[in-house]
Amino acid sequence: MSNKKKVLIIDDDNRNIFALTAVLKARGYNCLSAAGGAEGLQVLKEQKDVAVVLMDMMMPDMDGYEAIAVMNAHPELKDIPVIAVTAQAMLGDKERCLEAGAVGYVSKPINVDNLTDLLTKYI
């Protein structure tokens, strides 16, 4: 596995950030966090070594779909893989996330094994 194991968690709920950070740090990942889409984009512009973004899709102001669209339009951000993290687990939600540009999808509550399998695939 690469030494580049920095994960950016973008979520408007601090409890989700706290839980994900604890689990991922225990598995050797370096975690950054942002409380929304706009803040997450700023972190990505400042931190050039983020390997993967875990993006909450339902946030106020700028949601995950908008943030992914901005990333895809930005030359320095478009190649960073985004894994959609969402409480929406209805029929079609996964496809909507993938069509928006996410490389993977996990629903809340998060199955940590599934998430780490996805992270291993993209890091």
N, C-alpha and C. Protein backbone atom coordinates (compact mmCIF):
# COMPACT_ATOMS: atom_id res chain seq x y z
N MET A 1 0.83 -1.18 0.00
CA MET A 1 0.00 0.00 0.00
C MET A 1 0.88 1.25 0.00
N SER A 2 0.42 2.26 -0.66
CA SER A 2 1.15 3.51 -0.78
C SER A 2 1.28 4.21 0.58
N ASN A 3 2.28 5.07 0.70
CA ASN A 3 2.43 5.87 1.91
C ASN A 3 1.41 7.00 1.94
N LYS A 4 0.77 7.25 0.83
CA LYS A 4 -0.19 8.35 0.73
C LYS A 4 -1.55 7.86 1.21
N LYS A 5 -1.76 7.92 2.52
CA LYS A 5 -3.00 7.40 3.11
C LYS A 5 -3.81 8.50 3.77
N LYS A 6 -3.78 9.71 3.20
CA LYS A 6 -4.51 10.83 3.78
C LYS A 6 -5.93 10.85 3.23
N VAL A 7 -6.90 10.84 4.15
CA VAL A 7 -8.31 10.81 3.80
C VAL A 7 -8.96 12.10 4.30
N LEU A 8 -9.71 12.77 3.44
CA LEU A 8 -10.48 13.94 3.83
C LEU A 8 -11.93 13.53 4.01
N ILE A 9 -12.45 13.76 5.22
CA ILE A 9 -13.85 13.46 5.53
C ILE A 9 -14.62 14.77 5.47
N ILE A 10 -15.59 14.85 4.56
CA ILE A 10 -16.42 16.05 4.44
C ILE A 10 -17.83 15.67 4.89
N ASP A 11 -18.25 16.22 6.03
CA ASP A 11 -19.55 15.87 6.62
C ASP A 11 -19.99 17.02 7.51
N ASP A 12 -21.26 17.35 7.49
CA ASP A 12 -21.76 18.45 8.31
C ASP A 12 -22.09 18.02 9.75
N ASP A 13 -21.95 16.73 10.05
CA ASP A 13 -22.24 16.22 11.39
C ASP A 13 -20.92 15.82 12.07
N ASN A 14 -20.56 16.56 13.11
CA ASN A 14 -19.30 16.29 13.81
C ASN A 14 -19.24 14.88 14.40
N ARG A 15 -20.38 14.31 14.74
CA ARG A 15 -20.38 12.93 15.28
C ARG A 15 -19.91 11.95 14.23
N ASN A 16 -20.33 12.15 12.99
CA ASN A 16 -19.88 11.28 11.90
C ASN A 16 -18.38 11.44 11.65
N ILE A 17 -17.92 12.69 11.67
CA ILE A 17 -16.48 12.94 11.48
C ILE A 17 -15.69 12.27 12.60
N PHE A 18 -16.13 12.43 13.83
CA PHE A 18 -15.44 11.85 14.98
C PHE A 18 -15.37 10.33 14.86
N ALA A 19 -16.50 9.69 14.56
CA ALA A 19 -16.54 8.23 14.47
C ALA A 19 -15.68 7.71 13.33
N LEU A 20 -15.79 8.32 12.16
CA LEU A 20 -15.00 7.88 11.01
C LEU A 20 -13.51 8.09 11.26
N THR A 21 -13.16 9.22 11.83
CA THR A 21 -11.75 9.50 12.12
C THR A 21 -11.18 8.47 13.08
N ALA A 22 -11.92 8.15 14.13
CA ALA A 22 -11.44 7.18 15.11
C ALA A 22 -11.20 5.82 14.47
N VAL A 23 -12.15 5.37 13.66
CA VAL A 23 -12.04 4.06 13.02
C VAL A 23 -10.88 4.04 12.02
N LEU A 24 -10.78 5.09 11.20
CA LEU A 24 -9.75 5.11 10.17
C LEU A 24 -8.35 5.29 10.75
N LYS A 25 -8.21 6.12 11.79
CA LYS A 25 -6.90 6.28 12.42
C LYS A 25 -6.43 4.97 13.02
N ALA A 26 -7.35 4.20 13.59
CA ALA A 26 -7.01 2.90 14.16
C ALA A 26 -6.51 1.94 13.08
N ARG A 27 -6.87 2.20 11.83
CA ARG A 27 -6.44 1.36 10.72
C ARG A 27 -5.29 1.98 9.93
N GLY A 28 -4.69 3.01 10.48
CA GLY A 28 -3.48 3.57 9.89
C GLY A 28 -3.65 4.72 8.93
N TYR A 29 -4.85 5.26 8.83
CA TYR A 29 -5.09 6.38 7.92
C TYR A 29 -4.89 7.71 8.63
N ASN A 30 -4.42 8.68 7.89
CA ASN A 30 -4.29 10.05 8.38
C ASN A 30 -5.54 10.79 7.92
N CYS A 31 -6.32 11.36 8.84
CA CYS A 31 -7.60 11.96 8.50
C CYS A 31 -7.61 13.47 8.68
N LEU A 32 -8.20 14.12 7.71
CA LEU A 32 -8.52 15.54 7.78
C LEU A 32 -10.03 15.62 7.73
N SER A 33 -10.59 16.74 8.15
CA SER A 33 -12.04 16.87 8.07
C SER A 33 -12.45 18.27 7.68
N ALA A 34 -13.67 18.36 7.15
CA ALA A 34 -14.27 19.63 6.79
C ALA A 34 -15.76 19.52 7.07
N ALA A 35 -16.36 20.62 7.53
CA ALA A 35 -17.76 20.62 7.96
C ALA A 35 -18.75 20.91 6.83
N GLY A 36 -18.29 20.99 5.61
CA GLY A 36 -19.18 21.23 4.48
C GLY A 36 -18.43 21.20 3.17
N GLY A 37 -19.19 21.26 2.08
CA GLY A 37 -18.60 21.15 0.75
C GLY A 37 -17.60 22.25 0.44
N ALA A 38 -17.96 23.50 0.72
CA ALA A 38 -17.06 24.62 0.41
C ALA A 38 -15.78 24.53 1.22
N GLU A 39 -15.91 24.20 2.50
CA GLU A 39 -14.73 24.06 3.36
C GLU A 39 -13.87 22.89 2.87
N GLY A 40 -14.50 21.81 2.46
CA GLY A 40 -13.77 20.65 1.94
C GLY A 40 -12.97 20.99 0.70
N LEU A 41 -13.56 21.78 -0.19
CA LEU A 41 -12.84 22.19 -1.40
C LEU A 41 -11.63 23.04 -1.05
N GLN A 42 -11.78 23.89 -0.05
CA GLN A 42 -10.65 24.72 0.39
C GLN A 42 -9.53 23.85 0.95
N VAL A 43 -9.89 22.84 1.76
CA VAL A 43 -8.88 21.93 2.31
C VAL A 43 -8.15 21.22 1.17
N LEU A 44 -8.90 20.77 0.17
CA LEU A 44 -8.27 20.07 -0.96
C LEU A 44 -7.28 20.97 -1.71
N LYS A 45 -7.60 22.24 -1.82
CA LYS A 45 -6.70 23.17 -2.52
C LYS A 45 -5.44 23.43 -1.71
N GLU A 46 -5.55 23.35 -0.38
CA GLU A 46 -4.40 23.61 0.50
C GLU A 46 -3.57 22.35 0.75
N GLN A 47 -4.21 21.20 0.84
CA GLN A 47 -3.55 19.93 1.15
C GLN A 47 -3.42 19.13 -0.16
N LYS A 48 -2.26 19.18 -0.74
CA LYS A 48 -2.06 18.57 -2.07
C LYS A 48 -1.90 17.05 -2.04
N ASP A 49 -1.86 16.45 -0.83
CA ASP A 49 -1.59 15.01 -0.76
C ASP A 49 -2.78 14.19 -0.26
N VAL A 50 -4.00 14.71 -0.40
CA VAL A 50 -5.19 13.93 -0.03
C VAL A 50 -5.36 12.82 -1.06
N ALA A 51 -5.46 11.59 -0.57
CA ALA A 51 -5.57 10.44 -1.47
C ALA A 51 -7.02 10.14 -1.85
N VAL A 52 -7.95 10.31 -0.90
CA VAL A 52 -9.36 9.97 -1.11
C VAL A 52 -10.21 10.93 -0.29
N VAL A 53 -11.40 11.24 -0.82
CA VAL A 53 -12.38 12.06 -0.10
C VAL A 53 -13.58 11.17 0.24
N LEU A 54 -13.99 11.22 1.51
CA LEU A 54 -15.25 10.62 1.93
C LEU A 54 -16.26 11.76 2.00
N MET A 55 -17.23 11.77 1.11
CA MET A 55 -18.12 12.91 0.94
C MET A 55 -19.55 12.57 1.37
N ASP A 56 -20.00 13.28 2.41
CA ASP A 56 -21.41 13.21 2.77
C ASP A 56 -22.18 13.86 1.62
N MET A 57 -23.22 13.23 1.15
CA MET A 57 -23.91 13.75 -0.01
C MET A 57 -25.01 14.75 0.34
N MET A 58 -25.53 14.68 1.55
CA MET A 58 -26.63 15.56 1.96
C MET A 58 -26.14 16.53 3.03
N MET A 59 -25.76 17.73 2.59
CA MET A 59 -25.29 18.78 3.51
C MET A 59 -25.97 20.08 3.14
N PRO A 60 -26.16 20.98 4.12
CA PRO A 60 -26.72 22.30 3.77
C PRO A 60 -25.70 23.10 2.98
N ASP A 61 -26.13 24.19 2.40
CA ASP A 61 -25.29 25.06 1.58
C ASP A 61 -24.81 24.31 0.34
N MET A 62 -23.62 23.74 0.36
CA MET A 62 -23.12 22.99 -0.79
C MET A 62 -23.14 21.50 -0.46
N ASP A 63 -23.99 20.74 -1.16
CA ASP A 63 -24.06 19.31 -0.88
C ASP A 63 -22.96 18.56 -1.64
N GLY A 64 -22.90 17.26 -1.41
CA GLY A 64 -21.86 16.45 -2.03
C GLY A 64 -21.90 16.44 -3.54
N TYR A 65 -23.11 16.49 -4.10
CA TYR A 65 -23.24 16.49 -5.56
C TYR A 65 -22.61 17.75 -6.15
N GLU A 66 -22.88 18.89 -5.53
CA GLU A 66 -22.28 20.15 -5.99
C GLU A 66 -20.77 20.14 -5.81
N ALA A 67 -20.30 19.66 -4.67
CA ALA A 67 -18.87 19.64 -4.39
C ALA A 67 -18.13 18.73 -5.38
N ILE A 68 -18.71 17.58 -5.71
CA ILE A 68 -18.09 16.69 -6.70
C ILE A 68 -18.03 17.37 -8.07
N ALA A 69 -19.09 18.08 -8.42
CA ALA A 69 -19.11 18.79 -9.71
C ALA A 69 -17.99 19.83 -9.76
N VAL A 70 -17.79 20.56 -8.67
CA VAL A 70 -16.70 21.55 -8.62
C VAL A 70 -15.35 20.85 -8.73
N MET A 71 -15.18 19.75 -8.00
CA MET A 71 -13.92 18.99 -8.08
C MET A 71 -13.65 18.53 -9.51
N ASN A 72 -14.68 18.00 -10.17
CA ASN A 72 -14.51 17.48 -11.53
C ASN A 72 -14.15 18.58 -12.52
N ALA A 73 -14.54 19.82 -12.23
CA ALA A 73 -14.24 20.93 -13.13
C ALA A 73 -12.88 21.56 -12.83
N HIS A 74 -12.24 21.15 -11.74
CA HIS A 74 -10.97 21.75 -11.32
C HIS A 74 -9.82 20.82 -11.70
N PRO A 75 -8.87 21.28 -12.52
CA PRO A 75 -7.79 20.41 -13.00
C PRO A 75 -7.00 19.71 -11.89
N GLU A 76 -6.76 20.38 -10.76
CA GLU A 76 -5.96 19.78 -9.70
C GLU A 76 -6.77 18.84 -8.80
N LEU A 77 -8.09 18.90 -8.88
CA LEU A 77 -8.93 18.11 -7.97
C LEU A 77 -9.67 16.96 -8.67
N LYS A 78 -9.76 17.02 -9.99
CA LYS A 78 -10.62 16.08 -10.70
C LYS A 78 -10.19 14.62 -10.60
N ASP A 79 -8.91 14.37 -10.31
CA ASP A 79 -8.43 12.99 -10.24
C ASP A 79 -8.44 12.40 -8.83
N ILE A 80 -8.90 13.18 -7.85
CA ILE A 80 -8.97 12.66 -6.47
C ILE A 80 -10.26 11.83 -6.35
N PRO A 81 -10.14 10.56 -5.99
CA PRO A 81 -11.34 9.73 -5.89
C PRO A 81 -12.24 10.17 -4.73
N VAL A 82 -13.54 10.15 -4.99
CA VAL A 82 -14.54 10.50 -3.98
C VAL A 82 -15.41 9.29 -3.71
N ILE A 83 -15.52 8.94 -2.43
CA ILE A 83 -16.44 7.88 -2.02
C ILE A 83 -17.63 8.57 -1.36
N ALA A 84 -18.80 8.35 -1.92
CA ALA A 84 -20.03 8.95 -1.38
C ALA A 84 -20.41 8.24 -0.09
N VAL A 85 -20.72 9.03 0.92
CA VAL A 85 -21.18 8.50 2.21
C VAL A 85 -22.52 9.15 2.46
N THR A 86 -23.57 8.33 2.55
CA THR A 86 -24.89 8.93 2.68
C THR A 86 -25.85 8.07 3.47
N ALA A 87 -26.78 8.74 4.12
CA ALA A 87 -27.85 8.04 4.84
C ALA A 87 -28.93 7.61 3.85
N GLN A 88 -28.88 8.14 2.65
CA GLN A 88 -29.86 7.76 1.65
C GLN A 88 -29.50 6.41 1.06
N ALA A 89 -30.38 5.47 1.28
CA ALA A 89 -30.12 4.12 0.77
C ALA A 89 -31.32 3.62 -0.02
N MET A 90 -31.99 4.53 -0.67
CA MET A 90 -33.14 4.17 -1.47
C MET A 90 -32.68 3.69 -2.85
N LEU A 91 -33.57 3.01 -3.52
CA LEU A 91 -33.29 2.53 -4.86
C LEU A 91 -32.89 3.72 -5.75
N GLY A 92 -31.77 3.62 -6.41
CA GLY A 92 -31.31 4.67 -7.31
C GLY A 92 -30.32 5.65 -6.69
N ASP A 93 -30.23 5.69 -5.36
CA ASP A 93 -29.31 6.65 -4.73
C ASP A 93 -27.85 6.33 -5.05
N LYS A 94 -27.50 5.06 -5.01
CA LYS A 94 -26.12 4.68 -5.33
C LYS A 94 -25.78 5.10 -6.76
N GLU A 95 -26.69 4.80 -7.69
CA GLU A 95 -26.45 5.16 -9.09
C GLU A 95 -26.33 6.66 -9.26
N ARG A 96 -27.15 7.42 -8.53
CA ARG A 96 -27.09 8.89 -8.61
C ARG A 96 -25.72 9.39 -8.14
N CYS A 97 -25.21 8.81 -7.07
CA CYS A 97 -23.90 9.21 -6.56
C CYS A 97 -22.80 8.88 -7.56
N LEU A 98 -22.86 7.69 -8.13
CA LEU A 98 -21.84 7.28 -9.09
C LEU A 98 -21.91 8.12 -10.36
N GLU A 99 -23.13 8.44 -10.81
CA GLU A 99 -23.28 9.30 -11.99
C GLU A 99 -22.74 10.70 -11.73
N ALA A 100 -22.81 11.16 -10.49
CA ALA A 100 -22.29 12.48 -10.13
C ALA A 100 -20.77 12.52 -10.14
N GLY A 101 -20.13 11.34 -10.13
CA GLY A 101 -18.68 11.28 -10.20
C GLY A 101 -18.00 10.56 -9.05
N ALA A 102 -18.78 10.05 -8.10
CA ALA A 102 -18.18 9.27 -7.01
C ALA A 102 -17.67 7.95 -7.57
N VAL A 103 -16.57 7.44 -7.00
CA VAL A 103 -16.02 6.15 -7.44
C VAL A 103 -16.58 5.00 -6.63
N GLY A 104 -17.20 5.33 -5.50
CA GLY A 104 -17.77 4.30 -4.63
C GLY A 104 -18.86 4.90 -3.78
N TYR A 105 -19.54 4.04 -3.04
CA TYR A 105 -20.72 4.46 -2.28
C TYR A 105 -20.82 3.60 -1.03
N VAL A 106 -21.00 4.24 0.12
CA VAL A 106 -21.30 3.52 1.35
C VAL A 106 -22.46 4.23 2.03
N SER A 107 -23.39 3.44 2.57
CA SER A 107 -24.53 4.04 3.24
C SER A 107 -24.32 4.01 4.75
N LYS A 108 -24.95 4.95 5.43
CA LYS A 108 -24.89 5.02 6.89
C LYS A 108 -26.00 4.14 7.45
N PRO A 109 -25.81 3.46 8.56
CA PRO A 109 -24.55 3.35 9.29
C PRO A 109 -23.50 2.61 8.45
N ILE A 110 -22.27 3.06 8.56
CA ILE A 110 -21.20 2.58 7.69
C ILE A 110 -20.70 1.21 8.12
N ASN A 111 -20.60 0.32 7.14
CA ASN A 111 -19.94 -0.96 7.34
C ASN A 111 -18.44 -0.69 7.14
N VAL A 112 -17.69 -0.73 8.23
CA VAL A 112 -16.28 -0.34 8.20
C VAL A 112 -15.46 -1.23 7.27
N ASP A 113 -15.77 -2.52 7.23
CA ASP A 113 -15.03 -3.42 6.34
C ASP A 113 -15.24 -3.03 4.87
N ASN A 114 -16.49 -2.72 4.51
CA ASN A 114 -16.76 -2.28 3.13
C ASN A 114 -16.02 -0.98 2.81
N LEU A 115 -16.02 -0.06 3.78
CA LEU A 115 -15.34 1.21 3.57
C LEU A 115 -13.84 1.01 3.40
N THR A 116 -13.23 0.21 4.26
CA THR A 116 -11.78 0.02 4.14
C THR A 116 -11.43 -0.75 2.86
N ASP A 117 -12.31 -1.63 2.40
CA ASP A 117 -12.07 -2.28 1.11
C ASP A 117 -12.03 -1.24 -0.01
N LEU A 118 -12.98 -0.29 0.02
CA LEU A 118 -12.98 0.77 -0.99
C LEU A 118 -11.74 1.65 -0.87
N LEU A 119 -11.38 2.01 0.34
CA LEU A 119 -10.19 2.85 0.53
C LEU A 119 -8.94 2.15 0.01
N THR A 120 -8.81 0.86 0.29
CA THR A 120 -7.66 0.09 -0.17
C THR A 120 -7.60 0.09 -1.70
N LYS A 121 -8.75 0.06 -2.33
CA LYS A 121 -8.83 0.04 -3.79
C LYS A 121 -8.32 1.35 -4.40
N TYR A 122 -8.54 2.47 -3.70
CA TYR A 122 -8.22 3.77 -4.28
C TYR A 122 -7.00 4.45 -3.68
N ILE A 123 -6.38 3.83 -2.68
CA ILE A 123 -5.16 4.41 -2.10
C ILE A 123 -3.99 3.54 -2.49
